[in-house]
């Protein structure tokens, strides 16, 4: 599961960068007013990336806590 989480984390980062580059290019070629709304997808992808990273760290800390709790007993 850890490998899957790492892959999906990089997927969201890659998609955010790709969408940003495409939307920026299209904004310069066709006009910013037409493509400005698509930056919401960049923010959404970045949000999912940071949420996934935070949750992975949180889960690691929780697993360490459970390990420590089991060794005390």
PDB file of N, CA and C in Angstrom:
ATOM      1  N   UNK A   1       0.818  -1.191   0.000  1.00  0.00           N
ATOM      2  CA  UNK A   1       0.000   0.000   0.000  1.00  0.00           C
ATOM      3  C   UNK A   1       0.869   1.264   0.000  1.00  0.00           C
ATOM      4  N   UNK A   2       2.042   1.148   0.588  1.00  0.00           N
ATOM      5  CA  UNK A   2       2.925   2.307   0.660  1.00  0.00           C
ATOM      6  C   UNK A   2       3.415   2.716  -0.737  1.00  0.00           C
ATOM      7  N   UNK A   3       3.668   1.737  -1.582  1.00  0.00           N
ATOM      8  CA  UNK A   3       4.116   2.029  -2.948  1.00  0.00           C
ATOM      9  C   UNK A   3       2.992   2.696  -3.738  1.00  0.00           C
ATOM     10  N   UNK A   4       1.783   2.186  -3.574  1.00  0.00           N
ATOM     11  CA  UNK A   4       0.634   2.776  -4.249  1.00  0.00           C
ATOM     12  C   UNK A   4       0.435   4.231  -3.830  1.00  0.00           C
ATOM     13  N   UNK A   5       0.534   4.501  -2.540  1.00  0.00           N
ATOM     14  CA  UNK A   5       0.370   5.868  -2.050  1.00  0.00           C
ATOM     15  C   UNK A   5       1.447   6.795  -2.602  1.00  0.00           C
ATOM     16  N   UNK A   6       2.665   6.298  -2.698  1.00  0.00           N
ATOM     17  CA  UNK A   6       3.762   7.105  -3.235  1.00  0.00           C
ATOM     18  C   UNK A   6       3.530   7.402  -4.715  1.00  0.00           C
ATOM     19  N   UNK A   7       3.089   6.392  -5.470  1.00  0.00           N
ATOM     20  CA  UNK A   7       2.832   6.578  -6.899  1.00  0.00           C
ATOM     21  C   UNK A   7       1.710   7.587  -7.105  1.00  0.00           C
ATOM     22  N   UNK A   8       0.632   7.454  -6.342  1.00  0.00           N
ATOM     23  CA  UNK A   8      -0.500   8.374  -6.491  1.00  0.00           C
ATOM     24  C   UNK A   8      -0.126   9.791  -6.072  1.00  0.00           C
ATOM     25  N   UNK A   9       0.733   9.913  -5.087  1.00  0.00           N
ATOM     26  CA  UNK A   9       1.197  11.234  -4.673  1.00  0.00           C
ATOM     27  C   UNK A   9       1.941  11.916  -5.822  1.00  0.00           C
ATOM     28  N   UNK A  10       2.848  11.176  -6.457  1.00  0.00           N
ATOM     29  CA  UNK A  10       3.581  11.739  -7.592  1.00  0.00           C
ATOM     30  C   UNK A  10       2.664  11.976  -8.790  1.00  0.00           C
ATOM     31  N   UNK A  11       1.643  11.137  -8.953  1.00  0.00           N
ATOM     32  CA  UNK A  11       0.682  11.339 -10.020  1.00  0.00           C
ATOM     33  C   UNK A  11      -0.007  12.692  -9.879  1.00  0.00           C
ATOM     34  N   UNK A  12      -0.456  13.029  -8.680  1.00  0.00           N
ATOM     35  CA  UNK A  12      -1.151  14.298  -8.476  1.00  0.00           C
ATOM     36  C   UNK A  12      -0.219  15.487  -8.669  1.00  0.00           C
ATOM     37  N   UNK A  13       1.033  15.349  -8.250  1.00  0.00           N
ATOM     38  CA  UNK A  13       1.997  16.420  -8.475  1.00  0.00           C
ATOM     39  C   UNK A  13       2.270  16.590  -9.966  1.00  0.00           C
ATOM     40  N   UNK A  14       2.457  15.491 -10.664  1.00  0.00           N
ATOM     41  CA  UNK A  14       2.701  15.534 -12.107  1.00  0.00           C
ATOM     42  C   UNK A  14       1.500  16.125 -12.852  1.00  0.00           C
ATOM     43  N   UNK A  15       0.307  15.740 -12.447  1.00  0.00           N
ATOM     44  CA  UNK A  15      -0.880  16.271 -13.115  1.00  0.00           C
ATOM     45  C   UNK A  15      -1.030  17.774 -12.857  1.00  0.00           C
ATOM     46  N   UNK A  16      -0.707  18.227 -11.665  1.00  0.00           N
ATOM     47  CA  UNK A  16      -0.780  19.664 -11.374  1.00  0.00           C
ATOM     48  C   UNK A  16       0.197  20.447 -12.249  1.00  0.00           C
ATOM     49  N   UNK A  17       1.407  19.941 -12.376  1.00  0.00           N
ATOM     50  CA  UNK A  17       2.413  20.629 -13.199  1.00  0.00           C
ATOM     51  C   UNK A  17       1.997  20.618 -14.667  1.00  0.00           C
ATOM     52  N   UNK A  18       1.517  19.474 -15.140  1.00  0.00           N
ATOM     53  CA  UNK A  18       1.105  19.355 -16.545  1.00  0.00           C
ATOM     54  C   UNK A  18      -0.069  20.280 -16.851  1.00  0.00           C
ATOM     55  N   UNK A  19      -1.064  20.274 -15.996  1.00  0.00           N
ATOM     56  CA  UNK A  19      -2.233  21.140 -16.212  1.00  0.00           C
ATOM     57  C   UNK A  19      -1.825  22.602 -16.180  1.00  0.00           C
ATOM     58  N   UNK A  20      -0.935  22.960 -15.256  1.00  0.00           N
ATOM     59  CA  UNK A  20      -0.461  24.341 -15.181  1.00  0.00           C
ATOM     60  C   UNK A  20       0.223  24.759 -16.484  1.00  0.00           C
ATOM     61  N   UNK A  21       1.087  23.903 -16.994  1.00  0.00           N
ATOM     62  CA  UNK A  21       1.800  24.245 -18.226  1.00  0.00           C
ATOM     63  C   UNK A  21       0.843  24.360 -19.412  1.00  0.00           C
ATOM     64  N   UNK A  22      -0.092  23.442 -19.522  1.00  0.00           N
ATOM     65  CA  UNK A  22      -1.043  23.478 -20.635  1.00  0.00           C
ATOM     66  C   UNK A  22      -1.944  24.698 -20.555  1.00  0.00           C
ATOM     67  N   UNK A  23      -2.474  24.982 -19.380  1.00  0.00           N
ATOM     68  CA  UNK A  23      -3.380  26.124 -19.223  1.00  0.00           C
ATOM     69  C   UNK A  23      -2.631  27.435 -19.441  1.00  0.00           C
ATOM     70  N   UNK A  24      -1.408  27.521 -18.977  1.00  0.00           N
ATOM     71  CA  UNK A  24      -0.625  28.740 -19.190  1.00  0.00           C
ATOM     72  C   UNK A  24      -0.333  28.938 -20.675  1.00  0.00           C
ATOM     73  N   UNK A  25       0.044  27.875 -21.359  1.00  0.00           N
ATOM     74  CA  UNK A  25       0.293  27.974 -22.798  1.00  0.00           C
ATOM     75  C   UNK A  25      -0.969  28.402 -23.544  1.00  0.00           C
ATOM     76  N   UNK A  26      -2.080  27.757 -23.233  1.00  0.00           N
ATOM     77  CA  UNK A  26      -3.337  28.098 -23.906  1.00  0.00           C
ATOM     78  C   UNK A  26      -3.784  29.519 -23.560  1.00  0.00           C
ATOM     79  N   UNK A  27      -3.476  29.979 -22.357  1.00  0.00           N
ATOM     80  CA  UNK A  27      -3.827  31.348 -21.978  1.00  0.00           C
ATOM     81  C   UNK A  27      -3.076  32.365 -22.829  1.00  0.00           C
ATOM     82  N   UNK A  28      -1.803  32.074 -23.096  1.00  0.00           N
ATOM     83  CA  UNK A  28      -1.023  32.998 -23.921  1.00  0.00           C
ATOM     84  C   UNK A  28      -1.442  32.949 -25.385  1.00  0.00           C
ATOM     85  N   UNK A  29      -1.852  31.789 -25.862  1.00  0.00           N
ATOM     86  CA  UNK A  29      -2.191  31.677 -27.280  1.00  0.00           C
ATOM     87  C   UNK A  29      -3.627  32.111 -27.591  1.00  0.00           C
ATOM     88  N   UNK A  30      -4.577  31.776 -26.712  1.00  0.00           N
ATOM     89  CA  UNK A  30      -5.975  32.058 -27.012  1.00  0.00           C
ATOM     90  C   UNK A  30      -6.600  33.149 -26.153  1.00  0.00           C
ATOM     91  N   UNK A  31      -5.892  33.594 -25.174  1.00  0.00           N
ATOM     92  CA  UNK A  31      -6.428  34.651 -24.319  1.00  0.00           C
ATOM     93  C   UNK A  31      -6.636  34.170 -22.890  1.00  0.00           C
ATOM     94  N   UNK A  32      -6.213  34.995 -21.970  1.00  0.00           N
ATOM     95  CA  UNK A  32      -6.260  34.620 -20.562  1.00  0.00           C
ATOM     96  C   UNK A  32      -7.690  34.527 -20.040  1.00  0.00           C
ATOM     97  N   UNK A  33      -8.563  35.391 -20.507  1.00  0.00           N
ATOM     98  CA  UNK A  33      -9.940  35.391 -20.007  1.00  0.00           C
ATOM     99  C   UNK A  33     -10.660  34.078 -20.281  1.00  0.00           C
ATOM    100  N   UNK A  34     -10.315  33.430 -21.364  1.00  0.00           N
ATOM    101  CA  UNK A  34     -10.966  32.180 -21.726  1.00  0.00           C
ATOM    102  C   UNK A  34     -10.464  31.000 -20.900  1.00  0.00           C
ATOM    103  N   UNK A  35      -9.192  31.006 -20.486  1.00  0.00           N
ATOM    104  CA  UNK A  35      -8.577  29.857 -19.832  1.00  0.00           C
ATOM    105  C   UNK A  35      -8.290  30.059 -18.347  1.00  0.00           C
ATOM    106  N   UNK A  36      -8.595  31.199 -17.806  1.00  0.00           N
ATOM    107  CA  UNK A  36      -8.257  31.479 -16.404  1.00  0.00           C
ATOM    108  C   UNK A  36      -8.985  30.549 -15.430  1.00  0.00           C
ATOM    109  N   UNK A  37     -10.172  30.130 -15.779  1.00  0.00           N
ATOM    110  CA  UNK A  37     -10.958  29.280 -14.878  1.00  0.00           C
ATOM    111  C   UNK A  37     -10.360  27.885 -14.716  1.00  0.00           C
ATOM    112  N   UNK A  38      -9.532  27.466 -15.641  1.00  0.00           N
ATOM    113  CA  UNK A  38      -8.947  26.130 -15.570  1.00  0.00           C
ATOM    114  C   UNK A  38      -7.828  26.021 -14.543  1.00  0.00           C
ATOM    115  N   UNK A  39      -7.396  27.142 -14.003  1.00  0.00           N
ATOM    116  CA  UNK A  39      -6.406  27.093 -12.925  1.00  0.00           C
ATOM    117  C   UNK A  39      -6.990  26.464 -11.664  1.00  0.00           C
ATOM    118  N   UNK A  40      -8.296  26.367 -11.589  1.00  0.00           N
ATOM    119  CA  UNK A  40      -8.938  25.683 -10.465  1.00  0.00           C
ATOM    120  C   UNK A  40      -8.502  24.223 -10.421  1.00  0.00           C
ATOM    121  N   UNK A  41      -8.323  23.610 -11.582  1.00  0.00           N
ATOM    122  CA  UNK A  41      -7.877  22.219 -11.629  1.00  0.00           C
ATOM    123  C   UNK A  41      -6.442  22.069 -11.131  1.00  0.00           C
ATOM    124  N   UNK A  42      -5.629  23.073 -11.379  1.00  0.00           N
ATOM    125  CA  UNK A  42      -4.257  23.060 -10.857  1.00  0.00           C
ATOM    126  C   UNK A  42      -4.299  23.113  -9.334  1.00  0.00           C
ATOM    127  N   UNK A  43      -5.105  24.017  -8.801  1.00  0.00           N
ATOM    128  CA  UNK A  43      -5.214  24.133  -7.345  1.00  0.00           C
ATOM    129  C   UNK A  43      -5.795  22.869  -6.718  1.00  0.00           C
ATOM    130  N   UNK A  44      -6.745  22.254  -7.395  1.00  0.00           N
ATOM    131  CA  UNK A  44      -7.331  21.014  -6.889  1.00  0.00           C
ATOM    132  C   UNK A  44      -6.294  19.895  -6.858  1.00  0.00           C
ATOM    133  N   UNK A  45      -5.525  19.764  -7.921  1.00  0.00           N
ATOM    134  CA  UNK A  45      -4.483  18.725  -7.970  1.00  0.00           C
ATOM    135  C   UNK A  45      -3.417  18.958  -6.910  1.00  0.00           C
ATOM    136  N   UNK A  46      -3.017  20.202  -6.736  1.00  0.00           N
ATOM    137  CA  UNK A  46      -2.039  20.504  -5.681  1.00  0.00           C
ATOM    138  C   UNK A  46      -2.619  20.232  -4.301  1.00  0.00           C
ATOM    139  N   UNK A  47      -3.879  20.558  -4.118  1.00  0.00           N
ATOM    140  CA  UNK A  47      -4.530  20.288  -2.842  1.00  0.00           C
ATOM    141  C   UNK A  47      -4.574  18.806  -2.528  1.00  0.00           C
ATOM    142  N   UNK A  48      -4.885  17.996  -3.518  1.00  0.00           N
ATOM    143  CA  UNK A  48      -4.918  16.548  -3.309  1.00  0.00           C
ATOM    144  C   UNK A  48      -3.516  16.022  -3.023  1.00  0.00           C
ATOM    145  N   UNK A  49      -2.516  16.565  -3.718  1.00  0.00           N
ATOM    146  CA  UNK A  49      -1.128  16.152  -3.471  1.00  0.00           C
ATOM    147  C   UNK A  49      -0.717  16.443  -2.032  1.00  0.00           C
ATOM    148  N   UNK A  50      -0.977  17.660  -1.555  1.00  0.00           N
ATOM    149  CA  UNK A  50      -0.582  18.017  -0.195  1.00  0.00           C
ATOM    150  C   UNK A  50      -1.407  17.262   0.848  1.00  0.00           C
ATOM    151  N   UNK A  51      -2.678  17.036   0.569  1.00  0.00           N
ATOM    152  CA  UNK A  51      -3.508  16.254   1.476  1.00  0.00           C
ATOM    153  C   UNK A  51      -2.998  14.818   1.558  1.00  0.00           C
ATOM    154  N   UNK A  52      -2.639  14.244   0.434  1.00  0.00           N
ATOM    155  CA  UNK A  52      -2.127  12.870   0.410  1.00  0.00           C
ATOM    156  C   UNK A  52      -0.805  12.779   1.161  1.00  0.00           C
ATOM    157  N   UNK A  53       0.074  13.756   0.967  1.00  0.00           N
ATOM    158  CA  UNK A  53       1.353  13.764   1.669  1.00  0.00           C
ATOM    159  C   UNK A  53       1.140  13.878   3.172  1.00  0.00           C
ATOM    160  N   UNK A  54       0.255  14.757   3.591  1.00  0.00           N
ATOM    161  CA  UNK A  54      -0.031  14.940   5.009  1.00  0.00           C
ATOM    162  C   UNK A  54      -0.622  13.668   5.625  1.00  0.00           C
ATOM    163  N   UNK A  55      -1.549  13.036   4.908  1.00  0.00           N
ATOM    164  CA  UNK A  55      -2.176  11.817   5.417  1.00  0.00           C
ATOM    165  C   UNK A  55      -1.181  10.658   5.492  1.00  0.00           C
ATOM    166  N   UNK A  56      -0.240  10.591   4.554  1.00  0.00           N
ATOM    167  CA  UNK A  56       0.771   9.533   4.602  1.00  0.00           C
ATOM    168  C   UNK A  56       1.670   9.711   5.824  1.00  0.00           C
ATOM    169  N   UNK A  57       2.075  10.947   6.105  1.00  0.00           N
ATOM    170  CA  UNK A  57       2.896  11.205   7.295  1.00  0.00           C
ATOM    171  C   UNK A  57       2.117  10.911   8.570  1.00  0.00           C
ATOM    172  N   UNK A  58       0.848  11.287   8.562  1.00  0.00           N
ATOM    173  CA  UNK A  58       0.001  11.033   9.725  1.00  0.00           C
ATOM    174  C   UNK A  58      -0.154   9.536   9.965  1.00  0.00           C
ATOM    175  N   UNK A  59      -0.344   8.775   8.909  1.00  0.00           N
ATOM    176  CA  UNK A  59      -0.480   7.331   9.041  1.00  0.00           C
ATOM    177  C   UNK A  59       0.813   6.686   9.525  1.00  0.00           C
ATOM    178  N   UNK A  60       1.954   7.168   9.058  1.00  0.00           N
ATOM    179  CA  UNK A  60       3.233   6.652   9.540  1.00  0.00           C
ATOM    180  C   UNK A  60       3.395   6.895  11.038  1.00  0.00           C
ATOM    181  N   UNK A  61       3.052   8.098  11.486  1.00  0.00           N
ATOM    182  CA  UNK A  61       3.135   8.406  12.921  1.00  0.00           C
ATOM    183  C   UNK A  61       2.180   7.518  13.719  1.00  0.00           C
ATOM    184  N   UNK A  62       1.001   7.269  13.182  1.00  0.00           N
ATOM    185  CA  UNK A  62       0.034   6.419  13.882  1.00  0.00           C
ATOM    186  C   UNK A  62       0.530   4.976  13.959  1.00  0.00           C
ATOM    187  N   UNK A  63       1.124   4.481  12.894  1.00  0.00           N
ATOM    188  CA  UNK A  63       1.677   3.123  12.919  1.00  0.00           C
ATOM    189  C   UNK A  63       2.807   3.000  13.927  1.00  0.00           C
ATOM    190  N   UNK A  64       3.656   4.028  14.023  1.00  0.00           N
ATOM    191  CA  UNK A  64       4.718   4.023  15.034  1.00  0.00           C
ATOM    192  C   UNK A  64       4.131   4.027  16.435  1.00  0.00           C
ATOM    193  N   UNK A  65       3.070   4.792  16.649  1.00  0.00           N
ATOM    194  CA  UNK A  65       2.403   4.830  17.938  1.00  0.00           C
ATOM    195  C   UNK A  65       1.843   3.459  18.303  1.00  0.00           C
ATOM    196  N   UNK A  66       1.207   2.796  17.337  1.00  0.00           N
ATOM    197  CA  UNK A  66       0.652   1.471  17.605  1.00  0.00           C
ATOM    198  C   UNK A  66       1.754   0.440  17.901  1.00  0.00           C
ATOM    199  N   UNK A  67       2.864   0.532  17.184  1.00  0.00           N
ATOM    200  CA  UNK A  67       3.991  -0.354  17.437  1.00  0.00           C
ATOM    201  C   UNK A  67       4.534  -0.154  18.842  1.00  0.00           C
ATOM    202  N   UNK A  68       4.677   1.115  19.221  1.00  0.00           N
ATOM    203  CA  UNK A  68       5.192   1.447  20.553  1.00  0.00           C
ATOM    204  C   UNK A  68       4.216   0.971  21.631  1.00  0.00           C
ATOM    205  N   UNK A  69       2.948   1.122  21.398  1.00  0.00           N
ATOM    206  CA  UNK A  69       1.924   0.709  22.346  1.00  0.00           C
ATOM    207  C   UNK A  69       1.949  -0.811  22.536  1.00  0.00           C
ATOM    208  N   UNK A  70       2.162  -1.545  21.456  1.00  0.00           N
ATOM    209  CA  UNK A  70       2.206  -3.017  21.548  1.00  0.00           C
ATOM    210  C   UNK A  70       3.462  -3.519  22.209  1.00  0.00           C
ATOM    211  N   UNK A  71       4.573  -2.810  22.110  1.00  0.00           N
ATOM    212  CA  UNK A  71       5.814  -3.267  22.743  1.00  0.00           C
ATOM    213  C   UNK A  71       5.792  -2.994  24.238  1.00  0.00           C
ATOM    214  N   UNK A  72       5.033  -2.012  24.683  1.00  0.00           N
ATOM    215  CA  UNK A  72       4.950  -1.706  26.111  1.00  0.00           C
ATOM    216  C   UNK A  72       4.200  -2.807  26.859  1.00  0.00           C
ATOM    217  N   UNK A  73       3.187  -3.363  26.247  1.00  0.00           N
ATOM    218  CA  UNK A  73       2.364  -4.392  26.925  1.00  0.00           C
ATOM    219  C   UNK A  73       3.087  -5.674  27.116  1.00  0.00           C
TER     220      UNK A  73
END
